C-alpha atoms as a PDB file:
ATOM      1  CA  MET A   1     -19.762   9.397  -6.544  1.00  0.00           C
ATOM      2  CA  LEU A   2     -18.806  10.668  -3.110  1.00  0.00           C
ATOM      3  CA  PHE A   3     -22.372  10.373  -1.813  1.00  0.00           C
ATOM      4  CA  GLY A   4     -22.703   6.906  -3.338  1.00  0.00           C
ATOM      5  CA  ALA A   5     -19.518   5.726  -1.668  1.00  0.00           C
ATOM      6  CA  TYR A   6     -20.617   7.173   1.657  1.00  0.00           C
ATOM      7  CA  TRP A   7     -24.009   5.473   1.349  1.00  0.00           C
ATOM      8  CA  ILE A   8     -22.357   2.127   0.647  1.00  0.00           C
ATOM      9  CA  VAL A   9     -20.231   2.462   3.798  1.00  0.00           C
ATOM     10  CA  ILE A  10     -23.278   3.335   5.898  1.00  0.00           C
ATOM     11  CA  TRP A  11     -25.174   0.380   4.426  1.00  0.00           C
ATOM     12  CA  ALA A  12     -22.215  -1.953   4.997  1.00  0.00           C
ATOM     13  CA  THR A  13     -22.065  -1.010   8.684  1.00  0.00           C
ATOM     14  CA  THR A  14     -25.623  -2.311   9.054  1.00  0.00           C
ATOM     15  CA  LYS A  15     -24.587  -5.675   7.584  1.00  0.00           C
ATOM     16  CA  ALA A  16     -21.113  -6.213   9.048  1.00  0.00           C
ATOM     17  CA  PRO A  17     -19.076  -5.159  12.091  1.00  0.00           C
ATOM     18  CA  ILE A  18     -17.841  -1.576  11.887  1.00  0.00           C
ATOM     19  CA  ALA A  19     -14.216  -2.630  12.369  1.00  0.00           C
ATOM     20  CA  LEU A  20     -14.369  -4.857   9.313  1.00  0.00           C
ATOM     21  CA  VAL A  21     -15.980  -2.145   7.192  1.00  0.00           C
ATOM     22  CA  ALA A  22     -13.391   0.403   8.319  1.00  0.00           C
ATOM     23  CA  ALA A  23     -10.532  -1.969   7.487  1.00  0.00           C
ATOM     24  CA  LEU A  24     -11.931  -2.682   4.045  1.00  0.00           C
ATOM     25  CA  ARG A  25     -12.359   1.029   3.368  1.00  0.00           C
ATOM     26  CA  GLU A  26      -8.586   1.319   3.598  1.00  0.00           C
ATOM     27  CA  THR A  27      -8.221  -0.882   0.542  1.00  0.00           C
ATOM     28  CA  SER A  28      -8.962   2.216  -1.521  1.00  0.00           C
ATOM     29  CA  VAL A  29      -5.450   3.351  -0.604  1.00  0.00           C
ATOM     30  CA  LEU A  30      -4.094   0.142  -2.120  1.00  0.00           C
ATOM     31  CA  PHE A  31      -6.009   0.749  -5.342  1.00  0.00           C
ATOM     32  CA  ALA A  32      -4.751   4.335  -5.486  1.00  0.00           C
ATOM     33  CA  ALA A  33      -1.163   3.145  -5.007  1.00  0.00           C
ATOM     34  CA  ALA A  34      -1.564   0.506  -7.709  1.00  0.00           C
ATOM     35  CA  ILE A  35      -3.030   3.041 -10.137  1.00  0.00           C
ATOM     36  CA  SER A  36      -0.221   5.493  -9.409  1.00  0.00           C
ATOM     37  CA  VAL A  37       2.418   2.845 -10.130  1.00  0.00           C
ATOM     38  CA  ILE A  38       0.757   1.224 -13.155  1.00  0.00           C
ATOM     39  CA  VAL A  39      -0.968   4.128 -14.892  1.00  0.00           C
ATOM     40  CA  LEU A  40       0.991   7.162 -13.753  1.00  0.00           C
ATOM     41  CA  ARG A  41       4.315   5.281 -13.683  1.00  0.00           C
ATOM     42  CA  GLU A  42       5.291   6.651 -10.285  1.00  0.00           C
ATOM     43  CA  PRO A  43       8.026   4.760  -8.455  1.00  0.00           C
ATOM     44  CA  LEU A  44       7.055   2.088  -5.943  1.00  0.00           C
ATOM     45  CA  THR A  45       8.899   3.407  -2.916  1.00  0.00           C
ATOM     46  CA  LYS A  46       9.792   1.622   0.275  1.00  0.00           C
ATOM     47  CA  TRP A  47       7.173   3.637   2.195  1.00  0.00           C
ATOM     48  CA  ARG A  48       4.366   2.755  -0.209  1.00  0.00           C
ATOM     49  CA  THR A  49       5.281  -0.906   0.023  1.00  0.00           C
ATOM     50  CA  LEU A  50       5.401  -0.820   3.825  1.00  0.00           C
ATOM     51  CA  SER A  51       2.075   1.008   3.940  1.00  0.00           C
ATOM     52  CA  ALA A  52       0.449  -1.551   1.675  1.00  0.00           C
ATOM     53  CA  ILE A  53       1.795  -4.379   3.803  1.00  0.00           C
ATOM     54  CA  ALA A  54       0.467  -2.693   6.955  1.00  0.00           C
ATOM     55  CA  ILE A  55      -2.998  -2.303   5.421  1.00  0.00           C
ATOM     56  CA  VAL A  56      -3.144  -5.909   4.254  1.00  0.00           C
ATOM     57  CA  THR A  57      -1.889  -7.112   7.639  1.00  0.00           C
ATOM     58  CA  GLY A  58      -4.585  -5.101   9.398  1.00  0.00           C
ATOM     59  CA  ILE A  59      -7.291  -6.534   7.170  1.00  0.00           C
ATOM     60  CA  VAL A  60      -6.070 -10.079   7.804  1.00  0.00           C
ATOM     61  CA  ILE A  61      -5.927  -9.525  11.565  1.00  0.00           C
ATOM     62  CA  VAL A  62      -9.429  -8.066  11.668  1.00  0.00           C
ATOM     63  CA  ARG A  63     -10.769 -10.879   9.520  1.00  0.00           C
ATOM     64  CA  MET A  64      -9.176 -13.582  11.684  1.00  0.00           C
ATOM     65  CA  ALA A  65     -10.488 -12.080  14.940  1.00  0.00           C
END
């Protein structure tokens, strides 16, 4: 799966700006946080919430530029 994910990123950089691809790669952190809260029942801390907000803000800024 690692090689497949890497290949998708390389392919995506040929179709879209690298900054946009890099920002969207960070969404995996959001999915990991959601899985940890929902499936593993870990607490949603202030730092996880702030990190998620920062990632979403970065994606929005890159998309609007």
